[in-house]
Every structure is written in C-alpha cells, then in structure tokens.
Amino acid sequence: MPNNKIKKSVVGTQVRKMDDVENTRTITLVASDFSKDRHGTRLSPQGWRLDNFNANPIIAYMHNAYGDSLCLAPNPDDIIGKGRAYIEGEELMIDITFEPADINPTAEKVFRKMLFGSLNACSVGFVGKAGHWGEGEEACGASNETYYFDEQELLEVSIVNIPSNPNALRRSLRESTSSALSYIYRALDGKYRYSEIEEMTVRQVLDLVEGRQTPEPEEPTPAPVEEPSVEERQEPAPETTEEEIDKLLTLAEAELLL
C-alpha cells in the first residue's frame, strides 16, 4: 500500500491549548494518533518524518495546498497559516498559527469558526513510506481489514469541514464535474459546445487545454465478427490501467459512474 501517492487521514480535532489565543492566533491540536481512521489505516506515531514539513510548515483549508485542481485556479488564501509538528507521547501534535485577518480573510473565517466550534476536524496529508497489513480479521480482504503505516512523511495539515462520507463525496464529485465543464468551456474560448466536451475523452480534453490539438476521431471500419473459441471465452479480460482509463473515459461517462 505505501507508494508515492498523497494520502489523507481525517481525525476529530482535539484542542489542547489556546493560551491568549486572540493575540497569538495559535491553537494546538492533536493531528493524528494510532487509532484507526475512516480509511481503515493506522499511523505509527513513531513513524512520522517531520523535517520537511517543519521546513515548509503548510497549514491549508480542505487540502487545497497542492495547486493541482482542474476546476479552480491556485489561490494563495487557501494556505491559512503555518504550523509546527512534533510527537508528544503517542500523538502527532500541531501548533497552528493562523494568518492575520488583514492579509487573509479565509484564514480569519476558519480561525473564528474553530473558536466557535462549527469547524471541528483536521486532516493530515502524507506519503506512506513503509507498512503492512494486519493479521486475522485485519488481513487484506478480511472483515476488518486494517493497514498499518510504519513510516510516513508529513506533507501538510488541513482544517476540513467533515470527514469522508460516500454520499457527500458523490455529491461533491458531481458538483466538481459541472465546475470542470465550465472551466474547460472557458479555457477553450467557447469553441466547443458543452455536449461536445462531455463526449471527449480525458486525454482529448487535456491535449486541447494544453495546446496539443487532438485530431478528429475517424469512423472505425467495422471488422468481421468472429465467434470466439472456448479458450478465448474463458480467458479473463485484462485489467484496465489508470493510463488507459484517462484515454478512453469521457467526462459524461465518468459522471454516470459517480
């Protein structure tokens, strides 16, 4: 399971310290512990690698820290503060200092909502370095499968609205698809109708947005249909890779899958 992909772990915020908070704008939180998160993983407190984070201590809102959103332009106000991460006992602690209100209204709003209590969850963005599956009922594919991260590098910490929920996530993805269509329409100067964009593959959209013109697809010549042999009928279909999916799947088909 460990790889170079960014992972996120959401926990309920536990506020530990708010001394003179109006002046310091600093809140101390428990960012992670060894409890099982909603993704079925446990993060070793001793396995955290914090040096790179503390050299560039990004505190974001809703993980909008990477500047890689297709739908929205990068917004510096999504970075709402700076932090200091450290281990205390069996917990990953984070001191968050929010940016001043005069330079970042988003940071001020998140700060006030945390003091009020209507924002009450934080999430760590990390890259897993090493780990293992549990045993017995925690084994991969078992009834209570659990993955144990033995080593992980902290990238950023975010204040988030709510933990992952399948129904909420599905609504969010549908809304993001609509935003993506509008973004692509504008990026292509209105040269294509929305219905035409929906029928494009992801690869065609990326080529057009990045200035690499995609040729019009040619009508395929029907090939003679041959009855498959018994061996061919029994042979399982090969798995489709992520690279193949982004070449074949249209935006409309992707939306229907959600």
Protein backbone atom coordinates (compact mmCIF):
# COMPACT_ATOMS: atom_id res chain seq x y z
CA MET A 1 0.00 0.00 0.00
CA PRO A 2 2.79 2.55 0.62
CA ASN A 3 3.64 4.46 -2.56
CA ASN A 4 4.34 7.99 -3.71
CA LYS A 5 0.67 8.98 -3.84
CA ILE A 6 -0.54 11.56 -1.35
CA LYS A 7 -2.84 10.10 1.28
CA LYS A 8 -5.06 11.81 3.83
CA SER A 9 -6.17 10.78 7.29
CA VAL A 10 -9.06 12.57 8.98
CA VAL A 11 -9.42 12.68 12.75
CA GLY A 12 -11.66 14.60 15.10
CA THR A 13 -9.94 17.74 16.27
CA GLN A 14 -8.78 17.71 19.87
CA VAL A 15 -7.88 21.20 21.01
CA ARG A 16 -5.11 21.03 23.60
CA LYS A 17 -4.12 24.64 24.14
CA MET A 18 -5.43 28.12 23.31
CA ASP A 19 -3.42 30.40 25.61
CA ASP A 20 -4.03 34.09 24.85
CA VAL A 21 -5.42 32.94 21.51
CA GLU A 22 -6.68 36.36 20.37
CA ASN A 23 -3.14 37.71 20.42
CA THR A 24 -1.17 34.63 19.39
CA ARG A 25 -3.75 33.25 16.92
CA THR A 26 -2.22 29.88 17.77
CA ILE A 27 -4.16 26.70 18.53
CA THR A 28 -2.55 23.39 19.49
CA LEU A 29 -4.27 20.29 18.12
CA VAL A 30 -3.83 16.54 18.09
CA ALA A 31 -3.34 15.93 14.36
CA SER A 32 -3.02 12.13 14.45
CA ASP A 33 -2.69 9.18 16.80
CA PHE A 34 -2.62 5.39 16.49
CA SER A 35 -6.40 4.99 16.31
CA LYS A 36 -7.91 3.51 13.16
CA ASP A 37 -9.09 6.19 10.75
CA ARG A 38 -12.03 6.13 8.33
CA HIS A 39 -9.85 4.76 5.54
CA GLY A 40 -9.03 1.63 7.54
CA THR A 41 -5.46 2.64 8.37
CA ARG A 42 -3.40 3.18 11.49
CA LEU A 43 -0.43 5.59 11.53
CA SER A 44 2.51 4.80 13.77
CA PRO A 45 3.27 7.83 15.99
CA GLN A 46 6.96 6.87 15.96
CA GLY A 47 6.91 6.55 12.17
CA TRP A 48 6.33 10.21 11.38
CA ARG A 49 9.02 12.02 9.38
CA LEU A 50 8.54 15.71 10.12
CA ASP A 51 11.71 17.52 8.99
CA ASN A 52 10.47 18.50 5.52
CA PHE A 53 7.12 19.67 6.86
CA ASN A 54 8.68 21.80 9.58
CA ALA A 55 10.95 23.38 6.96
CA ASN A 56 7.84 24.39 4.96
CA PRO A 57 5.01 24.16 7.53
CA ILE A 58 1.91 24.45 5.34
CA ILE A 59 -1.49 24.69 7.02
CA ALA A 60 -4.26 24.57 4.43
CA TYR A 61 -8.02 24.59 4.22
CA MET A 62 -9.61 21.43 2.76
CA HIS A 63 -6.24 20.19 1.40
CA ASN A 64 -6.17 22.97 -1.22
CA ALA A 65 -2.40 23.16 -0.88
CA TYR A 66 -1.12 21.43 -3.99
CA GLY A 67 -2.24 23.78 -6.78
CA ASP A 68 -3.35 20.86 -8.96
CA SER A 69 -7.11 21.40 -9.15
CA LEU A 70 -8.57 21.23 -12.66
CA CYS A 71 -11.61 23.25 -11.64
CA LEU A 72 -10.09 26.10 -9.67
CA ALA A 73 -7.10 28.35 -10.14
CA PRO A 74 -4.48 28.23 -7.35
CA ASN A 75 -5.45 30.58 -4.54
CA PRO A 76 -2.79 31.67 -2.04
CA ASP A 77 -5.53 32.28 0.55
CA ASP A 78 -6.12 28.51 0.73
CA ILE A 79 -2.92 28.47 2.79
CA ILE A 80 -4.37 29.73 6.06
CA GLY A 81 -1.40 29.57 8.39
CA LYS A 82 1.83 27.92 9.42
CA GLY A 83 2.45 25.10 11.84
CA ARG A 84 4.94 23.23 13.98
CA ALA A 85 4.61 19.45 14.13
CA TYR A 86 6.06 17.28 16.88
CA ILE A 87 5.46 13.99 18.68
CA GLU A 88 4.14 14.04 22.23
CA GLY A 89 3.75 10.58 23.71
CA GLU A 90 1.65 8.58 21.21
CA GLU A 91 0.24 11.58 19.38
CA LEU A 92 1.24 13.82 16.49
CA MET A 93 0.75 17.39 17.71
CA ILE A 94 0.46 20.50 15.60
CA ASP A 95 0.68 24.15 16.69
CA ILE A 96 -1.29 26.15 14.12
CA THR A 97 -0.75 29.90 13.84
CA PHE A 98 -3.42 31.44 11.61
CA GLU A 99 -2.57 34.26 9.22
CA PRO A 100 -3.74 37.77 10.20
CA ALA A 101 -7.23 38.81 9.12
CA ASP A 102 -5.94 41.77 7.07
CA ILE A 103 -3.95 39.55 4.70
CA ASN A 104 -6.22 36.51 4.55
CA PRO A 105 -9.99 36.70 5.16
CA THR A 106 -10.25 32.93 4.63
CA ALA A 107 -7.83 32.28 7.47
CA GLU A 108 -9.80 34.64 9.71
CA LYS A 109 -13.08 32.90 8.95
CA VAL A 110 -11.63 29.43 9.59
CA PHE A 111 -9.99 30.68 12.80
CA ARG A 112 -13.28 32.13 14.10
CA LYS A 113 -15.23 29.02 13.17
CA MET A 114 -12.74 26.88 15.07
CA LEU A 115 -13.13 29.05 18.15
CA PHE A 116 -16.91 28.85 17.77
CA GLY A 117 -16.74 25.08 17.27
CA SER A 118 -18.53 24.75 13.92
CA LEU A 119 -15.29 23.56 12.29
CA ASN A 120 -14.16 20.53 14.25
CA ALA A 121 -11.93 18.25 12.19
CA CYS A 122 -8.38 18.28 10.88
CA SER A 123 -6.64 16.06 8.38
CA VAL A 124 -3.02 15.21 7.61
CA GLY A 125 -1.69 14.87 4.06
CA PHE A 126 1.18 12.41 3.93
CA VAL A 127 3.14 9.95 1.79
CA GLY A 128 3.42 6.41 3.11
CA LYS A 129 6.94 5.01 3.16
CA ALA A 130 6.53 1.57 4.75
CA GLY A 131 3.79 -0.52 6.29
CA HIS A 132 1.98 -3.84 6.48
CA TRP A 133 -1.47 -5.40 6.57
CA GLY A 134 -2.87 -6.68 9.83
CA GLU A 135 -3.44 -10.34 10.57
CA GLY A 136 -6.54 -12.45 11.02
CA GLU A 137 -9.68 -10.35 10.63
CA GLU A 138 -7.43 -7.33 9.88
CA ALA A 139 -5.77 -9.04 6.91
CA CYS A 140 -6.22 -7.63 3.40
CA GLY A 141 -9.73 -8.51 2.22
CA ALA A 142 -10.86 -9.70 5.64
CA SER A 143 -13.90 -8.43 7.56
CA ASN A 144 -11.97 -5.70 9.40
CA GLU A 145 -9.05 -5.14 7.08
CA THR A 146 -6.54 -2.69 8.51
CA TYR A 147 -3.33 -1.30 7.08
CA TYR A 148 -0.57 -0.26 9.47
CA PHE A 149 1.70 2.54 8.29
CA ASP A 150 5.09 2.04 9.92
CA GLU A 151 6.68 5.12 8.36
CA GLN A 152 5.12 8.17 6.71
CA GLU A 153 6.23 11.67 5.70
CA LEU A 154 4.01 14.60 6.67
CA LEU A 155 3.33 17.00 3.79
CA GLU A 156 0.64 19.32 5.14
CA VAL A 157 -2.09 19.62 7.73
CA SER A 158 -5.56 20.90 6.81
CA ILE A 159 -8.61 22.11 8.62
CA VAL A 160 -11.54 20.30 6.95
CA ASN A 161 -15.32 20.57 7.04
CA ILE A 162 -16.41 16.97 7.53
CA PRO A 163 -14.78 13.53 7.38
CA SER A 164 -15.19 11.36 4.29
CA ASN A 165 -18.75 10.22 3.65
CA PRO A 166 -19.69 8.24 0.48
CA ASN A 167 -22.91 10.16 -0.23
CA ALA A 168 -21.37 13.57 0.46
CA LEU A 169 -18.33 12.63 -1.63
CA ARG A 170 -20.54 11.56 -4.52
CA ARG A 171 -22.40 14.89 -4.47
CA SER A 172 -19.11 16.75 -4.32
CA LEU A 173 -17.77 14.88 -7.35
CA ARG A 174 -20.91 15.64 -9.36
CA GLU A 175 -20.59 19.33 -8.50
CA SER A 176 -16.90 19.21 -9.41
CA THR A 177 -17.77 17.69 -12.81
CA SER A 178 -20.08 20.63 -13.55
CA SER A 179 -17.38 23.08 -12.50
CA ALA A 180 -14.84 21.25 -14.66
CA LEU A 181 -17.09 21.50 -17.72
CA SER A 182 -17.46 25.25 -17.21
CA TYR A 183 -13.71 25.63 -16.72
CA ILE A 184 -12.93 23.66 -19.89
CA TYR A 185 -15.52 25.62 -21.89
CA ARG A 186 -13.86 28.90 -20.87
CA ALA A 187 -10.34 27.56 -21.36
CA LEU A 188 -11.21 26.59 -24.95
CA ASP A 189 -12.73 30.05 -25.65
CA GLY A 190 -16.19 28.60 -26.27
CA LYS A 191 -15.06 26.79 -29.43
CA TYR A 192 -16.80 23.59 -28.35
CA ARG A 193 -20.35 23.08 -27.09
CA TYR A 194 -20.87 21.55 -23.67
CA SER A 195 -22.29 18.41 -25.29
CA GLU A 196 -19.13 18.07 -27.40
CA ILE A 197 -16.89 18.45 -24.37
CA GLU A 198 -18.85 15.78 -22.49
CA GLU A 199 -18.18 13.29 -25.28
CA MET A 200 -14.41 13.93 -25.33
CA THR A 201 -12.04 11.58 -23.60
CA VAL A 202 -10.00 12.91 -20.72
CA ARG A 203 -6.87 12.71 -22.91
CA GLN A 204 -8.50 14.78 -25.67
CA VAL A 205 -9.52 17.46 -23.16
CA LEU A 206 -6.00 17.64 -21.70
CA ASP A 207 -4.45 17.88 -25.18
CA LEU A 208 -6.77 20.74 -26.16
CA VAL A 209 -6.29 22.67 -22.90
CA GLU A 210 -2.51 22.28 -23.12
CA GLY A 211 -2.45 23.38 -26.78
CA ARG A 212 -1.85 19.99 -28.34
CA GLN A 213 -4.62 19.77 -30.93
CA THR A 214 -6.37 16.42 -30.97
CA PRO A 215 -7.34 15.17 -34.44
CA GLU A 216 -10.99 14.45 -35.07
CA PRO A 217 -11.68 10.77 -34.41
CA GLU A 218 -12.17 8.73 -37.57
CA GLU A 219 -15.13 6.46 -38.03
CA PRO A 220 -13.83 2.93 -37.40
CA THR A 221 -14.21 0.37 -40.17
CA PRO A 222 -16.39 -2.47 -38.93
CA ALA A 223 -14.35 -5.62 -38.56
CA PRO A 224 -15.80 -9.04 -39.35
CA VAL A 225 -17.23 -10.66 -36.24
CA GLU A 226 -15.62 -13.96 -35.38
CA GLU A 227 -17.03 -16.43 -32.91
CA PRO A 228 -14.53 -16.69 -30.01
CA SER A 229 -13.08 -20.08 -29.19
CA VAL A 230 -13.85 -21.80 -25.90
CA GLU A 231 -10.43 -20.79 -24.58
CA GLU A 232 -10.97 -17.14 -25.52
CA ARG A 233 -14.38 -17.08 -23.87
CA GLN A 234 -12.92 -18.43 -20.64
CA GLU A 235 -9.89 -16.13 -20.58
CA PRO A 236 -10.44 -13.24 -18.11
CA ALA A 237 -10.34 -9.72 -19.50
CA PRO A 238 -7.13 -7.80 -18.69
CA GLU A 239 -7.39 -5.09 -16.07
CA THR A 240 -7.61 -1.53 -17.36
CA THR A 241 -4.81 0.70 -16.13
CA GLU A 242 -5.30 4.30 -14.93
CA GLU A 243 -3.44 5.49 -18.05
CA GLU A 244 -5.88 3.64 -20.31
CA ILE A 245 -8.89 4.97 -18.40
CA ASP A 246 -7.92 8.63 -18.89
CA LYS A 247 -7.61 7.95 -22.64
CA LEU A 248 -10.93 6.14 -23.04
CA LEU A 249 -13.35 7.51 -20.45
CA THR A 250 -15.39 10.53 -21.49
CA LEU A 251 -16.44 13.15 -18.96
CA ALA A 252 -20.08 12.17 -19.39
CA GLU A 253 -19.29 8.51 -18.70
CA ALA A 254 -17.24 9.46 -15.67
CA GLU A 255 -20.16 11.44 -14.25
CA LEU A 256 -22.52 8.49 -14.72
CA LEU A 257 -20.18 6.26 -12.71
CA LEU A 258 -20.45 8.53 -9.64
